N, C-alpha and C. Protein backbone atom coordinates (compact mmCIF):
# COMPACT_ATOMS: atom_id res chain seq x y z
N MET A 1 18.73 -50.19 -32.26
CA MET A 1 19.00 -49.67 -30.92
C MET A 1 18.13 -48.45 -30.63
N LEU A 2 17.96 -47.58 -31.63
CA LEU A 2 17.14 -46.39 -31.45
C LEU A 2 15.68 -46.75 -31.20
N ARG A 3 15.19 -47.80 -31.89
CA ARG A 3 13.81 -48.23 -31.68
C ARG A 3 13.59 -48.73 -30.25
N VAL A 4 14.53 -49.45 -29.74
CA VAL A 4 14.43 -49.98 -28.38
C VAL A 4 14.40 -48.82 -27.38
N LEU A 5 15.27 -47.83 -27.58
CA LEU A 5 15.31 -46.67 -26.70
C LEU A 5 14.00 -45.90 -26.75
N LEU A 6 13.45 -45.71 -27.93
CA LEU A 6 12.17 -45.01 -28.06
C LEU A 6 11.05 -45.79 -27.39
N LEU A 7 11.04 -47.12 -27.52
CA LEU A 7 10.02 -47.93 -26.87
C LEU A 7 10.12 -47.85 -25.35
N VAL A 8 11.33 -47.84 -24.83
CA VAL A 8 11.52 -47.73 -23.37
C VAL A 8 11.04 -46.37 -22.89
N VAL A 9 11.39 -45.31 -23.60
CA VAL A 9 10.95 -43.97 -23.21
C VAL A 9 9.43 -43.88 -23.28
N LEU A 10 8.84 -44.41 -24.32
CA LEU A 10 7.39 -44.40 -24.46
C LEU A 10 6.72 -45.18 -23.33
N ALA A 11 7.27 -46.33 -22.97
CA ALA A 11 6.71 -47.13 -21.88
C ALA A 11 6.79 -46.38 -20.55
N VAL A 12 7.90 -45.69 -20.30
CA VAL A 12 8.05 -44.93 -19.06
C VAL A 12 7.03 -43.79 -19.01
N VAL A 13 6.85 -43.10 -20.12
CA VAL A 13 5.89 -41.99 -20.16
C VAL A 13 4.47 -42.50 -19.93
N VAL A 14 4.10 -43.61 -20.55
CA VAL A 14 2.76 -44.18 -20.38
C VAL A 14 2.55 -44.62 -18.93
N LEU A 15 3.52 -45.28 -18.33
CA LEU A 15 3.40 -45.70 -16.93
C LEU A 15 3.29 -44.50 -16.00
N TRP A 16 4.07 -43.47 -16.25
CA TRP A 16 4.02 -42.26 -15.42
C TRP A 16 2.64 -41.62 -15.51
N TRP A 17 2.10 -41.58 -16.73
CA TRP A 17 0.78 -40.98 -16.93
C TRP A 17 -0.31 -41.81 -16.22
N LEU A 18 -0.24 -43.13 -16.34
CA LEU A 18 -1.24 -43.99 -15.70
C LEU A 18 -1.16 -43.90 -14.18
N MET A 19 0.03 -43.83 -13.64
CA MET A 19 0.18 -43.73 -12.18
C MET A 19 -0.37 -42.40 -11.68
N GLY A 20 -0.18 -41.34 -12.43
CA GLY A 20 -0.72 -40.04 -12.06
C GLY A 20 -2.25 -40.05 -12.05
N ARG A 21 -2.83 -40.70 -13.02
CA ARG A 21 -4.29 -40.82 -13.08
C ARG A 21 -4.80 -41.64 -11.91
N ALA A 22 -4.09 -42.72 -11.58
CA ALA A 22 -4.53 -43.59 -10.47
C ALA A 22 -4.47 -42.83 -9.16
N ARG A 23 -3.46 -41.99 -8.96
CA ARG A 23 -3.36 -41.21 -7.72
C ARG A 23 -4.51 -40.24 -7.59
N ARG A 24 -4.94 -39.63 -8.68
CA ARG A 24 -6.05 -38.68 -8.62
C ARG A 24 -7.36 -39.39 -8.31
N ASP A 25 -7.50 -40.65 -8.73
CA ASP A 25 -8.74 -41.40 -8.52
C ASP A 25 -8.79 -42.11 -7.17
N ASP A 26 -7.69 -42.15 -6.42
CA ASP A 26 -7.66 -42.83 -5.13
C ASP A 26 -8.56 -42.12 -4.13
N PRO A 27 -9.22 -42.88 -3.23
CA PRO A 27 -9.99 -42.24 -2.15
C PRO A 27 -9.02 -41.60 -1.16
N PRO A 28 -9.50 -40.65 -0.36
CA PRO A 28 -8.62 -40.00 0.62
C PRO A 28 -8.03 -41.01 1.58
N ARG A 29 -6.82 -40.77 2.01
CA ARG A 29 -6.13 -41.66 2.95
C ARG A 29 -6.66 -41.45 4.35
N THR A 30 -6.45 -42.45 5.19
CA THR A 30 -6.80 -42.31 6.60
C THR A 30 -5.54 -41.96 7.37
N GLY A 31 -5.71 -41.46 8.56
CA GLY A 31 -4.54 -41.11 9.38
C GLY A 31 -4.07 -39.69 9.09
N ARG A 32 -2.75 -39.52 9.12
CA ARG A 32 -2.17 -38.19 8.96
C ARG A 32 -2.49 -37.59 7.60
N GLY A 33 -2.54 -38.40 6.55
CA GLY A 33 -2.84 -37.91 5.22
C GLY A 33 -4.25 -37.35 5.13
N ALA A 34 -5.18 -37.97 5.84
CA ALA A 34 -6.56 -37.50 5.82
C ALA A 34 -6.67 -36.15 6.51
N ASP A 35 -5.92 -35.96 7.60
CA ASP A 35 -5.94 -34.67 8.28
C ASP A 35 -5.43 -33.57 7.37
N ALA A 36 -4.35 -33.83 6.66
CA ALA A 36 -3.80 -32.83 5.75
C ALA A 36 -4.78 -32.54 4.62
N ALA A 37 -5.43 -33.58 4.11
CA ALA A 37 -6.40 -33.39 3.03
C ALA A 37 -7.59 -32.57 3.54
N ALA A 38 -8.03 -32.84 4.77
CA ALA A 38 -9.15 -32.09 5.33
C ALA A 38 -8.79 -30.63 5.53
N LYS A 39 -7.58 -30.36 6.01
CA LYS A 39 -7.15 -28.98 6.19
C LYS A 39 -7.07 -28.26 4.86
N LYS A 40 -6.57 -28.95 3.84
CA LYS A 40 -6.45 -28.34 2.52
C LYS A 40 -7.84 -28.01 1.98
N THR A 41 -8.80 -28.92 2.15
CA THR A 41 -10.15 -28.69 1.68
C THR A 41 -10.79 -27.53 2.43
N THR A 42 -10.60 -27.49 3.74
CA THR A 42 -11.17 -26.43 4.54
C THR A 42 -10.59 -25.08 4.13
N ARG A 43 -9.29 -25.03 3.92
CA ARG A 43 -8.63 -23.79 3.56
C ARG A 43 -9.12 -23.30 2.20
N SER A 44 -9.29 -24.23 1.23
CA SER A 44 -9.71 -23.82 -0.10
C SER A 44 -11.21 -23.51 -0.13
N ALA A 45 -11.98 -24.05 0.82
CA ALA A 45 -13.41 -23.81 0.83
C ALA A 45 -13.75 -22.43 1.41
N ARG A 46 -12.83 -21.84 2.15
CA ARG A 46 -13.09 -20.52 2.71
C ARG A 46 -13.22 -19.50 1.58
N SER A 47 -14.15 -18.59 1.75
CA SER A 47 -14.28 -17.55 0.74
C SER A 47 -13.28 -16.44 1.05
N PRO A 48 -12.75 -15.80 0.02
CA PRO A 48 -11.80 -14.72 0.27
C PRO A 48 -12.51 -13.53 0.92
N ALA A 49 -11.74 -12.74 1.64
CA ALA A 49 -12.31 -11.57 2.30
C ALA A 49 -12.82 -10.59 1.26
N LEU A 50 -13.95 -9.98 1.55
CA LEU A 50 -14.51 -9.01 0.63
C LEU A 50 -13.67 -7.74 0.65
N PRO A 51 -13.49 -7.09 -0.49
CA PRO A 51 -12.70 -5.86 -0.51
C PRO A 51 -13.44 -4.74 0.20
N ALA A 52 -12.68 -3.86 0.82
CA ALA A 52 -13.28 -2.72 1.52
C ALA A 52 -13.69 -1.66 0.50
N GLU A 53 -14.70 -0.91 0.84
CA GLU A 53 -15.13 0.19 -0.01
C GLU A 53 -14.04 1.26 -0.02
N ILE A 54 -13.75 1.81 -1.19
CA ILE A 54 -12.73 2.85 -1.32
C ILE A 54 -13.43 4.21 -1.33
N VAL A 55 -12.94 5.11 -0.49
CA VAL A 55 -13.49 6.47 -0.39
C VAL A 55 -12.37 7.47 -0.62
N SER A 56 -12.73 8.73 -0.83
CA SER A 56 -11.70 9.75 -1.02
C SER A 56 -11.76 10.78 0.10
N CYS A 57 -10.61 11.32 0.43
CA CYS A 57 -10.50 12.34 1.48
C CYS A 57 -11.18 13.62 1.00
N ALA A 58 -12.00 14.22 1.86
CA ALA A 58 -12.71 15.46 1.51
C ALA A 58 -11.75 16.63 1.39
N HIS A 59 -10.54 16.53 1.94
CA HIS A 59 -9.58 17.64 1.89
C HIS A 59 -8.64 17.51 0.70
N CYS A 60 -7.96 16.37 0.56
CA CYS A 60 -6.92 16.23 -0.47
C CYS A 60 -7.30 15.30 -1.62
N GLY A 61 -8.38 14.53 -1.47
CA GLY A 61 -8.82 13.64 -2.54
C GLY A 61 -8.14 12.28 -2.54
N LEU A 62 -7.28 12.00 -1.57
CA LEU A 62 -6.61 10.71 -1.49
C LEU A 62 -7.63 9.59 -1.35
N HIS A 63 -7.45 8.51 -2.11
CA HIS A 63 -8.34 7.35 -2.02
C HIS A 63 -7.79 6.38 -0.97
N LEU A 64 -8.68 5.90 -0.09
CA LEU A 64 -8.28 4.97 0.95
C LEU A 64 -9.45 4.07 1.32
N PRO A 65 -9.17 2.92 1.96
CA PRO A 65 -10.28 2.04 2.38
C PRO A 65 -11.13 2.72 3.46
N ARG A 66 -12.42 2.50 3.40
CA ARG A 66 -13.35 3.14 4.33
C ARG A 66 -13.00 2.89 5.80
N PRO A 67 -12.57 1.68 6.19
CA PRO A 67 -12.25 1.46 7.60
C PRO A 67 -11.07 2.32 8.10
N GLU A 68 -10.21 2.80 7.21
CA GLU A 68 -9.07 3.61 7.61
C GLU A 68 -9.38 5.10 7.62
N ALA A 69 -10.55 5.49 7.15
CA ALA A 69 -10.90 6.91 7.04
C ALA A 69 -11.31 7.47 8.40
N VAL A 70 -11.09 8.78 8.57
CA VAL A 70 -11.50 9.51 9.77
C VAL A 70 -12.76 10.29 9.38
N VAL A 71 -13.81 10.17 10.20
CA VAL A 71 -15.09 10.80 9.89
C VAL A 71 -15.31 12.01 10.80
N ASP A 72 -15.81 13.11 10.20
CA ASP A 72 -16.13 14.28 11.03
C ASP A 72 -17.60 14.25 11.42
N GLU A 73 -18.07 15.30 12.11
CA GLU A 73 -19.45 15.34 12.61
C GLU A 73 -20.46 15.33 11.48
N ALA A 74 -20.11 15.90 10.34
CA ALA A 74 -21.03 15.97 9.20
C ALA A 74 -21.02 14.68 8.37
N GLY A 75 -20.15 13.73 8.73
CA GLY A 75 -20.10 12.47 7.99
C GLY A 75 -19.10 12.48 6.84
N ARG A 76 -18.34 13.58 6.68
CA ARG A 76 -17.33 13.63 5.62
C ARG A 76 -16.14 12.78 6.03
N LEU A 77 -15.48 12.20 5.04
CA LEU A 77 -14.37 11.29 5.28
C LEU A 77 -13.04 11.95 4.95
N TYR A 78 -12.04 11.69 5.81
CA TYR A 78 -10.71 12.27 5.65
C TYR A 78 -9.66 11.17 5.78
N CYS A 79 -8.47 11.44 5.24
CA CYS A 79 -7.40 10.44 5.29
C CYS A 79 -6.69 10.43 6.65
N ASP A 80 -6.69 11.55 7.37
CA ASP A 80 -6.08 11.57 8.70
C ASP A 80 -6.70 12.69 9.53
N GLU A 81 -6.32 12.74 10.79
CA GLU A 81 -6.88 13.70 11.73
C GLU A 81 -6.53 15.14 11.35
N GLU A 82 -5.34 15.37 10.82
CA GLU A 82 -4.93 16.71 10.43
C GLU A 82 -5.83 17.28 9.33
N HIS A 83 -6.16 16.47 8.35
CA HIS A 83 -7.05 16.93 7.29
C HIS A 83 -8.47 17.08 7.79
N ARG A 84 -8.87 16.28 8.78
CA ARG A 84 -10.21 16.46 9.36
C ARG A 84 -10.30 17.82 10.05
N ARG A 85 -9.23 18.19 10.77
CA ARG A 85 -9.20 19.50 11.44
C ARG A 85 -9.17 20.64 10.42
N ALA A 86 -8.50 20.44 9.29
CA ALA A 86 -8.41 21.48 8.27
C ALA A 86 -9.73 21.67 7.52
N GLY A 87 -10.54 20.62 7.51
CA GLY A 87 -11.86 20.73 6.85
C GLY A 87 -11.77 20.46 5.36
N PRO A 88 -12.93 20.53 4.70
CA PRO A 88 -12.96 20.25 3.27
C PRO A 88 -12.20 21.33 2.50
N ASP A 89 -11.67 20.95 1.38
CA ASP A 89 -10.88 21.90 0.56
C ASP A 89 -11.75 22.87 -0.16
């Protein structure tokens, strides 16, 4: 009885494995499935956004992304308008 049970379990595992392989080898579906596959490919093909340059505040030394920094006339970078008015430390 144990041998029969082991053979059945082994057969189920082999069939499950073969069906999984067959699904991976199938060509893309047409219709709604193809649209979803195309969207998935397009989404994964996009490159991730590049990280922003990190700068430090001339007054307090806080590190922040360059697009969020406040720049004074001399080109120094600050974390906010208050520190820009206070000037470099």
